[in-house]
PDB file of N, CA and C in Angstrom:
ATOM      1  N   MET A   1       0.853  -1.307   0.103  1.00  0.00           N
ATOM      2  CA  MET A   1      -0.052   0.366   0.184  1.00  0.00           C
ATOM      3  C   MET A   1       1.074   1.183  -0.025  1.00  0.00           C
ATOM      4  N   THR A   2       0.991   1.925  -0.339  1.00  0.00           N
ATOM      5  CA  THR A   2       1.572   3.165  -1.244  1.00  0.00           C
ATOM      6  C   THR A   2       0.594   4.567  -0.600  1.00  0.00           C
ATOM      7  N   THR A   3       1.379   5.512   0.237  1.00  0.00           N
ATOM      8  CA  THR A   3       1.120   6.358   0.514  1.00  0.00           C
ATOM      9  C   THR A   3       0.986   7.850   0.105  1.00  0.00           C
ATOM     10  N   LYS A   4       0.478   8.732  -0.526  1.00  0.00           N
ATOM     11  CA  LYS A   4       0.803   9.922  -1.605  1.00  0.00           C
ATOM     12  C   LYS A   4       1.134  10.931  -0.703  1.00  0.00           C
ATOM     13  N   THR A   5       2.414  10.987  -0.290  1.00  0.00           N
ATOM     14  CA  THR A   5       3.180  12.271   0.290  1.00  0.00           C
ATOM     15  C   THR A   5       2.095  13.571   0.053  1.00  0.00           C
ATOM     16  N   PRO A   6       1.228  14.788   0.980  1.00  0.00           N
ATOM     17  CA  PRO A   6       1.094  15.770   0.633  1.00  0.00           C
ATOM     18  C   PRO A   6       1.841  16.549   0.289  1.00  0.00           C
ATOM     19  N   TRP A   7       1.664  17.471  -0.827  1.00  0.00           N
ATOM     20  CA  TRP A   7       2.517  18.714  -1.761  1.00  0.00           C
ATOM     21  C   TRP A   7       2.311  19.209  -0.218  1.00  0.00           C
ATOM     22  N   ASP A   8       3.674  19.770  -0.039  1.00  0.00           N
ATOM     23  CA  ASP A   8       4.222  21.103   1.119  1.00  0.00           C
ATOM     24  C   ASP A   8       4.339  22.351   0.301  1.00  0.00           C
ATOM     25  N   TRP A   9       3.090  22.997   0.427  1.00  0.00           N
ATOM     26  CA  TRP A   9       3.367  24.457  -0.256  1.00  0.00           C
ATOM     27  C   TRP A   9       4.058  25.665   0.203  1.00  0.00           C
ATOM     28  N   SER A  10       4.762  24.988   1.921  1.00  0.00           N
ATOM     29  CA  SER A  10       5.520  25.965   2.701  1.00  0.00           C
ATOM     30  C   SER A  10       6.690  25.799   2.251  1.00  0.00           C
ATOM     31  N   VAL A  11       7.271  24.741   1.614  1.00  0.00           N
ATOM     32  CA  VAL A  11       8.470  24.371   1.306  1.00  0.00           C
ATOM     33  C   VAL A  11       8.411  25.132  -0.379  1.00  0.00           C
ATOM     34  N   TRP A  12       7.907  24.616  -0.940  1.00  0.00           N
ATOM     35  CA  TRP A  12       7.633  24.792  -2.623  1.00  0.00           C
ATOM     36  C   TRP A  12       7.447  26.471  -2.692  1.00  0.00           C
ATOM     37  N   THR A  13       7.112  27.485  -2.489  1.00  0.00           N
ATOM     38  CA  THR A  13       7.187  28.722  -2.299  1.00  0.00           C
ATOM     39  C   THR A  13       8.247  29.203  -1.908  1.00  0.00           C
ATOM     40  N   GLN A  14       8.918  28.600  -1.294  1.00  0.00           N
ATOM     41  CA  GLN A  14      10.114  29.391  -0.702  1.00  0.00           C
ATOM     42  C   GLN A  14      11.059  29.533  -1.243  1.00  0.00           C
ATOM     43  N   SER A  15      11.052  28.549  -2.511  1.00  0.00           N
ATOM     44  CA  SER A  15      11.721  28.651  -3.546  1.00  0.00           C
ATOM     45  C   SER A  15      12.396  29.455  -4.403  1.00  0.00           C
ATOM     46  N   SER A  16      11.044  30.207  -4.725  1.00  0.00           N
ATOM     47  CA  SER A  16      11.625  31.600  -5.698  1.00  0.00           C
ATOM     48  C   SER A  16      10.294  32.240  -5.624  1.00  0.00           C
ATOM     49  N   PRO A  17      10.113  33.734  -5.777  1.00  0.00           N
ATOM     50  CA  PRO A  17       8.844  34.133  -6.196  1.00  0.00           C
ATOM     51  C   PRO A  17       8.000  33.443  -7.140  1.00  0.00           C
ATOM     52  N   ALA A  18       8.573  32.923  -8.353  1.00  0.00           N
ATOM     53  CA  ALA A  18       7.469  32.379  -8.801  1.00  0.00           C
ATOM     54  C   ALA A  18       6.550  31.659  -8.743  1.00  0.00           C
ATOM     55  N   HIS A  19       6.940  30.712  -7.680  1.00  0.00           N
ATOM     56  CA  HIS A  19       6.074  30.038  -6.947  1.00  0.00           C
ATOM     57  C   HIS A  19       5.713  30.447  -6.226  1.00  0.00           C
ATOM     58  N   ARG A  20       6.036  31.466  -5.293  1.00  0.00           N
ATOM     59  CA  ARG A  20       4.744  32.203  -4.782  1.00  0.00           C
ATOM     60  C   ARG A  20       3.462  32.691  -5.269  1.00  0.00           C
ATOM     61  N   ARG A  21       4.202  33.177  -6.738  1.00  0.00           N
ATOM     62  CA  ARG A  21       2.869  33.587  -7.605  1.00  0.00           C
ATOM     63  C   ARG A  21       2.179  32.508  -7.840  1.00  0.00           C
ATOM     64  N   VAL A  22       2.504  31.375  -7.792  1.00  0.00           N
ATOM     65  CA  VAL A  22       1.661  30.414  -8.817  1.00  0.00           C
ATOM     66  C   VAL A  22       0.548  30.364  -7.636  1.00  0.00           C
ATOM     67  N   LEU A  23       1.111  29.917  -6.172  1.00  0.00           N
ATOM     68  CA  LEU A  23       0.365  30.182  -5.449  1.00  0.00           C
ATOM     69  C   LEU A  23      -0.773  30.978  -5.360  1.00  0.00           C
ATOM     70  N   GLU A  24      -0.072  32.357  -5.357  1.00  0.00           N
ATOM     71  CA  GLU A  24      -1.165  33.473  -5.141  1.00  0.00           C
ATOM     72  C   GLU A  24      -2.209  32.978  -6.443  1.00  0.00           C
ATOM     73  N   PHE A  25      -1.806  33.112  -7.610  1.00  0.00           N
ATOM     74  CA  PHE A  25      -2.657  32.776  -8.697  1.00  0.00           C
ATOM     75  C   PHE A  25      -3.961  31.376  -8.007  1.00  0.00           C
ATOM     76  N   LEU A  26      -3.154  30.203  -7.953  1.00  0.00           N
ATOM     77  CA  LEU A  26      -4.350  29.454  -7.282  1.00  0.00           C
ATOM     78  C   LEU A  26      -5.362  29.718  -6.270  1.00  0.00           C
ATOM     79  N   THR A  27      -5.069  30.649  -5.566  1.00  0.00           N
ATOM     80  CA  THR A  27      -5.721  30.860  -4.194  1.00  0.00           C
ATOM     81  C   THR A  27      -6.399  31.649  -4.839  1.00  0.00           C
ATOM     82  N   LEU A  28      -6.093  32.970  -5.185  1.00  0.00           N
ATOM     83  CA  LEU A  28      -6.932  34.258  -5.885  1.00  0.00           C
ATOM     84  C   LEU A  28      -7.974  33.675  -7.055  1.00  0.00           C
ATOM     85  N   ASP A  29      -7.737  33.288  -7.369  1.00  0.00           N
ATOM     86  CA  ASP A  29      -7.982  33.320  -9.535  1.00  0.00           C
ATOM     87  C   ASP A  29      -8.835  31.729  -9.434  1.00  0.00           C
ATOM     88  N   LEU A  30      -8.446  30.877  -8.789  1.00  0.00           N
ATOM     89  CA  LEU A  30      -8.969  29.413  -9.179  1.00  0.00           C
ATOM     90  C   LEU A  30      -9.501  29.132  -8.031  1.00  0.00           C
ATOM     91  N   GLN A  31      -9.105  29.296  -6.535  1.00  0.00           N
ATOM     92  CA  GLN A  31      -9.808  29.104  -5.276  1.00  0.00           C
ATOM     93  C   GLN A  31     -10.285  27.540  -5.190  1.00  0.00           C
ATOM     94  N   ASN A  32     -11.667  27.231  -4.787  1.00  0.00           N
ATOM     95  CA  ASN A  32     -11.959  26.149  -4.303  1.00  0.00           C
ATOM     96  C   ASN A  32     -13.041  25.824  -5.920  1.00  0.00           C
ATOM     97  N   SER A  33     -12.552  26.156  -7.135  1.00  0.00           N
ATOM     98  CA  SER A  33     -13.501  25.676  -8.341  1.00  0.00           C
ATOM     99  C   SER A  33     -13.050  24.627  -9.011  1.00  0.00           C
ATOM    100  N   PRO A  34     -13.604  24.012  -8.772  1.00  0.00           N
ATOM    101  CA  PRO A  34     -13.077  22.303 -10.147  1.00  0.00           C
ATOM    102  C   PRO A  34     -13.347  22.863 -11.199  1.00  0.00           C
ATOM    103  N   GLU A  35     -13.880  23.053 -11.457  1.00  0.00           N
ATOM    104  CA  GLU A  35     -15.048  23.509 -12.901  1.00  0.00           C
ATOM    105  C   GLU A  35     -13.497  24.151 -13.278  1.00  0.00           C
ATOM    106  N   SER A  36     -13.106  25.175 -12.895  1.00  0.00           N
ATOM    107  CA  SER A  36     -11.567  25.919 -13.094  1.00  0.00           C
ATOM    108  C   SER A  36     -10.292  25.520 -12.846  1.00  0.00           C
ATOM    109  N   VAL A  37     -10.115  24.260 -12.386  1.00  0.00           N
ATOM    110  CA  VAL A  37      -8.881  23.323 -12.146  1.00  0.00           C
ATOM    111  C   VAL A  37      -9.208  22.695 -13.165  1.00  0.00           C
ATOM    112  N   GLN A  38     -10.146  22.085 -13.780  1.00  0.00           N
ATOM    113  CA  GLN A  38     -10.089  21.125 -14.553  1.00  0.00           C
ATOM    114  C   GLN A  38     -10.138  21.853 -15.867  1.00  0.00           C
ATOM    115  N   GLU A  39     -10.422  23.010 -16.012  1.00  0.00           N
ATOM    116  CA  GLU A  39     -10.253  23.663 -17.355  1.00  0.00           C
ATOM    117  C   GLU A  39      -9.012  24.395 -17.870  1.00  0.00           C
ATOM    118  N   LEU A  40      -8.210  24.607 -16.753  1.00  0.00           N
ATOM    119  CA  LEU A  40      -6.550  24.477 -17.029  1.00  0.00           C
ATOM    120  C   LEU A  40      -6.121  23.360 -17.255  1.00  0.00           C
ATOM    121  N   LEU A  41      -6.231  22.217 -16.238  1.00  0.00           N
ATOM    122  CA  LEU A  41      -5.539  21.286 -16.857  1.00  0.00           C
ATOM    123  C   LEU A  41      -6.358  20.556 -18.262  1.00  0.00           C
ATOM    124  N   GLN A  42      -6.805  21.087 -18.463  1.00  0.00           N
ATOM    125  CA  GLN A  42      -7.060  20.244 -20.333  1.00  0.00           C
ATOM    126  C   GLN A  42      -6.552  21.363 -20.902  1.00  0.00           C
ATOM    127  N   ALA A  43      -6.335  22.647 -20.322  1.00  0.00           N
ATOM    128  CA  ALA A  43      -6.010  23.075 -21.389  1.00  0.00           C
ATOM    129  C   ALA A  43      -4.063  23.338 -21.377  1.00  0.00           C
ATOM    130  N   ILE A  44      -3.462  23.086 -20.380  1.00  0.00           N
ATOM    131  CA  ILE A  44      -2.304  22.575 -20.177  1.00  0.00           C
ATOM    132  C   ILE A  44      -2.292  20.857 -21.293  1.00  0.00           C
ATOM    133  N   ALA A  45      -3.204  20.450 -21.280  1.00  0.00           N
ATOM    134  CA  ALA A  45      -2.496  18.936 -22.056  1.00  0.00           C
ATOM    135  C   ALA A  45      -2.909  19.847 -23.489  1.00  0.00           C
ATOM    136  N   ALA A  46      -3.718  20.498 -24.120  1.00  0.00           N
ATOM    137  CA  ALA A  46      -3.997  20.751 -25.030  1.00  0.00           C
ATOM    138  C   ALA A  46      -2.583  21.678 -25.514  1.00  0.00           C
ATOM    139  N   VAL A  47      -1.915  22.231 -24.939  1.00  0.00           N
ATOM    140  CA  VAL A  47      -0.312  22.698 -24.790  1.00  0.00           C
ATOM    141  C   VAL A  47       0.505  22.150 -25.541  1.00  0.00           C
ATOM    142  N   GLU A  48       0.499  21.265 -24.155  1.00  0.00           N
ATOM    143  CA  GLU A  48       1.261  20.041 -23.970  1.00  0.00           C
ATOM    144  C   GLU A  48       1.587  19.009 -25.513  1.00  0.00           C
ATOM    145  N   THR A  49       0.116  18.720 -25.778  1.00  0.00           N
ATOM    146  CA  THR A  49       0.245  17.798 -26.921  1.00  0.00           C
ATOM    147  C   THR A  49       0.421  18.668 -28.360  1.00  0.00           C
ATOM    148  N   GLY A  50       0.508  19.837 -28.321  1.00  0.00           N
ATOM    149  CA  GLY A  50       0.700  20.449 -29.975  1.00  0.00           C
ATOM    150  C   GLY A  50      -0.514  20.587 -30.151  1.00  0.00           C
ATOM    151  N   GLN A  51      -1.856  20.159 -29.352  1.00  0.00           N
ATOM    152  CA  GLN A  51      -3.446  21.227 -29.962  1.00  0.00           C
ATOM    153  C   GLN A  51      -3.247  22.307 -30.212  1.00  0.00           C
ATOM    154  N   GLN A  52      -2.634  23.357 -29.161  1.00  0.00           N
ATOM    155  CA  GLN A  52      -2.626  24.618 -29.303  1.00  0.00           C
ATOM    156  C   GLN A  52      -1.132  25.289 -29.040  1.00  0.00           C
ATOM    157  N   PRO A  53      -0.965  26.573 -29.587  1.00  0.00           N
ATOM    158  CA  PRO A  53       0.526  26.326 -28.996  1.00  0.00           C
ATOM    159  C   PRO A  53       0.339  27.376 -27.478  1.00  0.00           C
ATOM    160  N   GLN A  54      -0.521  28.050 -27.371  1.00  0.00           N
ATOM    161  CA  GLN A  54      -0.410  28.789 -26.513  1.00  0.00           C
ATOM    162  C   GLN A  54      -1.731  28.886 -25.749  1.00  0.00           C
ATOM    163  N   TYR A  55      -1.938  29.161 -24.441  1.00  0.00           N
ATOM    164  CA  TYR A  55      -3.368  29.257 -23.524  1.00  0.00           C
ATOM    165  C   TYR A  55      -3.208  30.404 -23.084  1.00  0.00           C
ATOM    166  N   THR A  56      -3.941  31.094 -22.878  1.00  0.00           N
ATOM    167  CA  THR A  56      -3.908  32.360 -21.520  1.00  0.00           C
ATOM    168  C   THR A  56      -5.200  32.529 -21.323  1.00  0.00           C
ATOM    169  N   ARG A  57      -5.127  33.051 -19.654  1.00  0.00           N
ATOM    170  CA  ARG A  57      -6.336  33.575 -19.121  1.00  0.00           C
ATOM    171  C   ARG A  57      -6.305  34.397 -18.572  1.00  0.00           C
ATOM    172  N   SER A  58      -7.076  34.833 -18.235  1.00  0.00           N
ATOM    173  CA  SER A  58      -7.326  36.081 -17.569  1.00  0.00           C
ATOM    174  C   SER A  58      -8.360  35.666 -16.316  1.00  0.00           C
ATOM    175  N   GLY A  59      -7.722  36.187 -15.184  1.00  0.00           N
ATOM    176  CA  GLY A  59      -8.540  36.009 -14.060  1.00  0.00           C
ATOM    177  C   GLY A  59      -8.907  37.352 -13.006  1.00  0.00           C
ATOM    178  N   ASN A  60      -9.102  37.016 -11.407  1.00  0.00           N
ATOM    179  CA  ASN A  60      -9.027  38.380 -10.505  1.00  0.00           C
ATOM    180  C   ASN A  60      -8.254  38.930 -10.803  1.00  0.00           C
ATOM    181  N   ALA A  61      -7.129  38.394 -10.686  1.00  0.00           N
ATOM    182  CA  ALA A  61      -6.046  39.210  -9.960  1.00  0.00           C
ATOM    183  C   ALA A  61      -4.739  39.259 -10.750  1.00  0.00           C
ATOM    184  N   TYR A  62      -4.953  37.998 -11.799  1.00  0.00           N
ATOM    185  CA  TYR A  62      -3.862  37.427 -12.606  1.00  0.00           C
ATOM    186  C   TYR A  62      -3.857  36.900 -13.872  1.00  0.00           C
ATOM    187  N   TYR A  63      -3.083  37.338 -14.603  1.00  0.00           N
ATOM    188  CA  TYR A  63      -3.021  37.283 -16.039  1.00  0.00           C
ATOM    189  C   TYR A  63      -2.147  35.906 -16.331  1.00  0.00           C
ATOM    190  N   VAL A  64      -2.494  35.099 -17.170  1.00  0.00           N
ATOM    191  CA  VAL A  64      -1.264  33.529 -17.042  1.00  0.00           C
ATOM    192  C   VAL A  64      -1.194  33.428 -18.929  1.00  0.00           C
ATOM    193  N   GLN A  65      -0.149  33.386 -18.728  1.00  0.00           N
ATOM    194  CA  GLN A  65       0.279  32.833 -20.107  1.00  0.00           C
ATOM    195  C   GLN A  65       0.868  31.366 -20.301  1.00  0.00           C
ATOM    196  N   ILE A  66       0.353  30.214 -21.070  1.00  0.00           N
ATOM    197  CA  ILE A  66       0.453  29.030 -21.060  1.00  0.00           C
ATOM    198  C   ILE A  66       1.721  28.857 -21.991  1.00  0.00           C
ATOM    199  N   SER A  67       2.706  28.214 -22.299  1.00  0.00           N
ATOM    200  CA  SER A  67       3.397  27.839 -23.718  1.00  0.00           C
ATOM    201  C   SER A  67       4.122  26.385 -23.405  1.00  0.00           C
ATOM    202  N   LEU A  68       4.512  25.807 -24.016  1.00  0.00           N
ATOM    203  CA  LEU A  68       5.319  24.331 -24.314  1.00  0.00           C
ATOM    204  C   LEU A  68       6.407  24.722 -23.552  1.00  0.00           C
ATOM    205  N   GLU A  69       7.048  25.994 -22.946  1.00  0.00           N
ATOM    206  CA  GLU A  69       8.404  26.268 -22.924  1.00  0.00           C
ATOM    207  C   GLU A  69       8.303  27.012 -21.571  1.00  0.00           C
ATOM    208  N   GLN A  70       7.276  27.518 -20.924  1.00  0.00           N
ATOM    209  CA  GLN A  70       7.228  27.833 -19.575  1.00  0.00           C
ATOM    210  C   GLN A  70       5.919  28.831 -19.654  1.00  0.00           C
ATOM    211  N   VAL A  71       5.328  29.059 -17.924  1.00  0.00           N
ATOM    212  CA  VAL A  71       3.642  29.878 -17.513  1.00  0.00           C
ATOM    213  C   VAL A  71       4.521  31.275 -17.378  1.00  0.00           C
ATOM    214  N   SER A  72       3.972  31.848 -17.879  1.00  0.00           N
ATOM    215  CA  SER A  72       4.138  33.280 -16.894  1.00  0.00           C
ATOM    216  C   SER A  72       2.965  33.761 -16.254  1.00  0.00           C
ATOM    217  N   ILE A  73       3.320  34.798 -15.306  1.00  0.00           N
ATOM    218  CA  ILE A  73       1.675  35.411 -14.648  1.00  0.00           C
ATOM    219  C   ILE A  73       2.096  36.687 -13.830  1.00  0.00           C
ATOM    220  N   GLU A  74       1.514  37.344 -14.559  1.00  0.00           N
ATOM    221  CA  GLU A  74       1.540  38.565 -14.341  1.00  0.00           C
ATOM    222  C   GLU A  74       0.616  38.974 -13.515  1.00  0.00           C
ATOM    223  N   ASN A  75       0.442  39.897 -12.416  1.00  0.00           N
ATOM    224  CA  ASN A  75      -0.249  40.960 -11.355  1.00  0.00           C
ATOM    225  C   ASN A  75      -1.090  41.680 -12.140  1.00  0.00           C
ATOM    226  N   LEU A  76      -2.274  41.612 -12.156  1.00  0.00           N
ATOM    227  CA  LEU A  76      -3.515  42.894 -12.692  1.00  0.00           C
ATOM    228  C   LEU A  76      -3.403  43.457 -11.921  1.00  0.00           C
ATOM    229  N   LEU A  77      -3.082  43.593 -10.616  1.00  0.00           N
ATOM    230  CA  LEU A  77      -3.671  44.352  -9.333  1.00  0.00           C
ATOM    231  C   LEU A  77      -2.698  45.590  -8.938  1.00  0.00           C
ATOM    232  N   ILE A  78      -1.260  45.227  -9.313  1.00  0.00           N
ATOM    233  CA  ILE A  78      -0.204  45.732  -8.911  1.00  0.00           C
ATOM    234  C   ILE A  78       0.588  45.928 -10.445  1.00  0.00           C
ATOM    235  N   ASP A  79       0.305  47.041 -11.234  1.00  0.00           N
ATOM    236  CA  ASP A  79       1.114  47.735 -11.807  1.00  0.00           C
ATOM    237  C   ASP A  79       3.022  47.293 -11.830  1.00  0.00           C
ATOM    238  N   ASP A  80       3.351  47.750 -10.740  1.00  0.00           N
ATOM    239  CA  ASP A  80       4.979  47.381 -10.698  1.00  0.00           C
ATOM    240  C   ASP A  80       5.841  46.024 -10.466  1.00  0.00           C
ATOM    241  N   GLU A  81       4.827  44.868 -10.082  1.00  0.00           N
ATOM    242  CA  GLU A  81       5.262  43.716  -9.931  1.00  0.00           C
ATOM    243  C   GLU A  81       5.684  42.812 -11.601  1.00  0.00           C
ATOM    244  N   SER A  82       7.131  42.431 -10.974  1.00  0.00           N
ATOM    245  CA  SER A  82       7.247  42.140 -12.131  1.00  0.00           C
ATOM    246  C   SER A  82       6.396  40.887 -13.013  1.00  0.00           C
ATOM    247  N   VAL A  83       6.903  40.245 -14.428  1.00  0.00           N
ATOM    248  CA  VAL A  83       5.907  39.262 -14.407  1.00  0.00           C
ATOM    249  C   VAL A  83       7.015  37.543 -13.917  1.00  0.00           C
ATOM    250  N   GLU A  84       6.581  36.806 -13.391  1.00  0.00           N
ATOM    251  CA  GLU A  84       7.187  35.507 -13.392  1.00  0.00           C
ATOM    252  C   GLU A  84       6.651  34.646 -13.736  1.00  0.00           C
ATOM    253  N   ALA A  85       7.337  33.660 -14.167  1.00  0.00           N
ATOM    254  CA  ALA A  85       7.264  32.476 -15.268  1.00  0.00           C
ATOM    255  C   ALA A  85       8.422  31.568 -14.451  1.00  0.00           C
ATOM    256  N   ILE A  86       7.472  30.439 -15.124  1.00  0.00           N
ATOM    257  CA  ILE A  86       8.365  28.820 -14.490  1.00  0.00           C
ATOM    258  C   ILE A  86       7.985  28.216 -15.101  1.00  0.00           C
ATOM    259  N   PRO A  87       8.628  26.951 -15.103  1.00  0.00           N
ATOM    260  CA  PRO A  87       8.607  25.725 -16.022  1.00  0.00           C
ATOM    261  C   PRO A  87       7.241  25.117 -16.386  1.00  0.00           C
ATOM    262  N   LEU A  88       6.696  24.810 -17.534  1.00  0.00           N
ATOM    263  CA  LEU A  88       5.717  24.109 -17.659  1.00  0.00           C
ATOM    264  C   LEU A  88       5.251  22.651 -16.333  1.00  0.00           C
ATOM    265  N   ASP A  89       5.564  22.139 -16.740  1.00  0.00           N
ATOM    266  CA  ASP A  89       6.201  20.857 -15.705  1.00  0.00           C
ATOM    267  C   ASP A  89       5.857  21.233 -14.149  1.00  0.00           C
ATOM    268  N   GLU A  90       6.313  22.042 -13.675  1.00  0.00           N
ATOM    269  CA  GLU A  90       6.746  22.806 -11.993  1.00  0.00           C
ATOM    270  C   GLU A  90       5.666  23.369 -12.178  1.00  0.00           C
ATOM    271  N   PHE A  91       4.841  24.332 -13.134  1.00  0.00           N
ATOM    272  CA  PHE A  91       3.266  25.030 -13.002  1.00  0.00           C
ATOM    273  C   PHE A  91       2.187  23.636 -13.077  1.00  0.00           C
ATOM    274  N   LYS A  92       2.241  22.672 -13.906  1.00  0.00           N
ATOM    275  CA  LYS A  92       1.296  21.042 -13.934  1.00  0.00           C
ATOM    276  C   LYS A  92       1.295  20.701 -12.925  1.00  0.00           C
ATOM    277  N   GLY A  93       2.131  20.694 -12.043  1.00  0.00           N
ATOM    278  CA  GLY A  93       2.521  19.742 -10.895  1.00  0.00           C
ATOM    279  C   GLY A  93       1.868  21.010  -9.339  1.00  0.00           C
ATOM    280  N   ALA A  94       1.722  21.977  -9.531  1.00  0.00           N
ATOM    281  CA  ALA A  94       1.182  22.493  -8.607  1.00  0.00           C
ATOM    282  C   ALA A  94      -0.140  22.396  -8.543  1.00  0.00           C
ATOM    283  N   VAL A  95      -0.539  22.531  -9.709  1.00  0.00           N
ATOM    284  CA  VAL A  95      -2.386  22.951 -10.489  1.00  0.00           C
ATOM    285  C   VAL A  95      -3.047  21.544  -9.777  1.00  0.00           C
ATOM    286  N   LEU A  96      -2.291  20.325  -9.992  1.00  0.00           N
ATOM    287  CA  LEU A  96      -2.175  19.118 -10.291  1.00  0.00           C
ATOM    288  C   LEU A  96      -2.620  18.911  -8.256  1.00  0.00           C
ATOM    289  N   ALA A  97      -1.541  19.453  -7.858  1.00  0.00           N
ATOM    290  CA  ALA A  97      -1.561  19.444  -6.260  1.00  0.00           C
ATOM    291  C   ALA A  97      -2.510  20.082  -6.065  1.00  0.00           C
ATOM    292  N   TRP A  98      -3.021  21.129  -6.184  1.00  0.00           N
ATOM    293  CA  TRP A  98      -4.310  22.127  -5.987  1.00  0.00           C
ATOM    294  C   TRP A  98      -5.475  21.334  -6.030  1.00  0.00           C
ATOM    295  N   SER A  99      -5.615  20.927  -7.054  1.00  0.00           N
ATOM    296  CA  SER A  99      -6.909  20.485  -7.291  1.00  0.00           C
ATOM    297  C   SER A  99      -6.595  18.316  -6.682  1.00  0.00           C
ATOM    298  N   CYS A 100      -6.149  18.388  -5.729  1.00  0.00           N
ATOM    299  CA  CYS A 100      -6.420  16.911  -5.147  1.00  0.00           C
ATOM    300  C   CYS A 100      -6.272  17.057  -3.427  1.00  0.00           C
ATOM    301  N   ARG A 101      -6.010  18.782  -2.733  1.00  0.00           N
ATOM    302  CA  ARG A 101      -6.052  19.331  -1.928  1.00  0.00           C
ATOM    303  C   ARG A 101      -7.460  19.318  -1.088  1.00  0.00           C
ATOM    304  N   ASN A 102      -7.663  19.482   0.117  1.00  0.00           N
ATOM    305  CA  ASN A 102      -8.734  19.627   0.829  1.00  0.00           C
ATOM    306  C   ASN A 102      -9.355  21.236   1.220  1.00  0.00           C
ATOM    307  N   PRO A 103     -10.375  21.390  -0.210  1.00  0.00           N
ATOM    308  CA  PRO A 103     -10.461  22.498   0.733  1.00  0.00           C
ATOM    309  C   PRO A 103     -10.702  22.762   1.848  1.00  0.00           C
TER     310      PRO A 103
END
């Protein structure tokens, strides 16, 4: 019997400002919406398989652009914050972890 280790957001977000930005996006834009998470995972799959070259999403607080190389997240509320970017596989891992958590 295998036990899945829970995602440790505190450790993950300490590694970079981009990781913190991903958590902020998940918290403020996806919130507790399973539908939004599934829509995002479908968009990631479409980019990964080449069905579409990129995906963009403008939410409550962030603008997200997903490409095969990276995911960039721009804060829509604070003008002078830099755009943060992380590799697609790291972003996908965070979205999957978000979808498995207990709200």
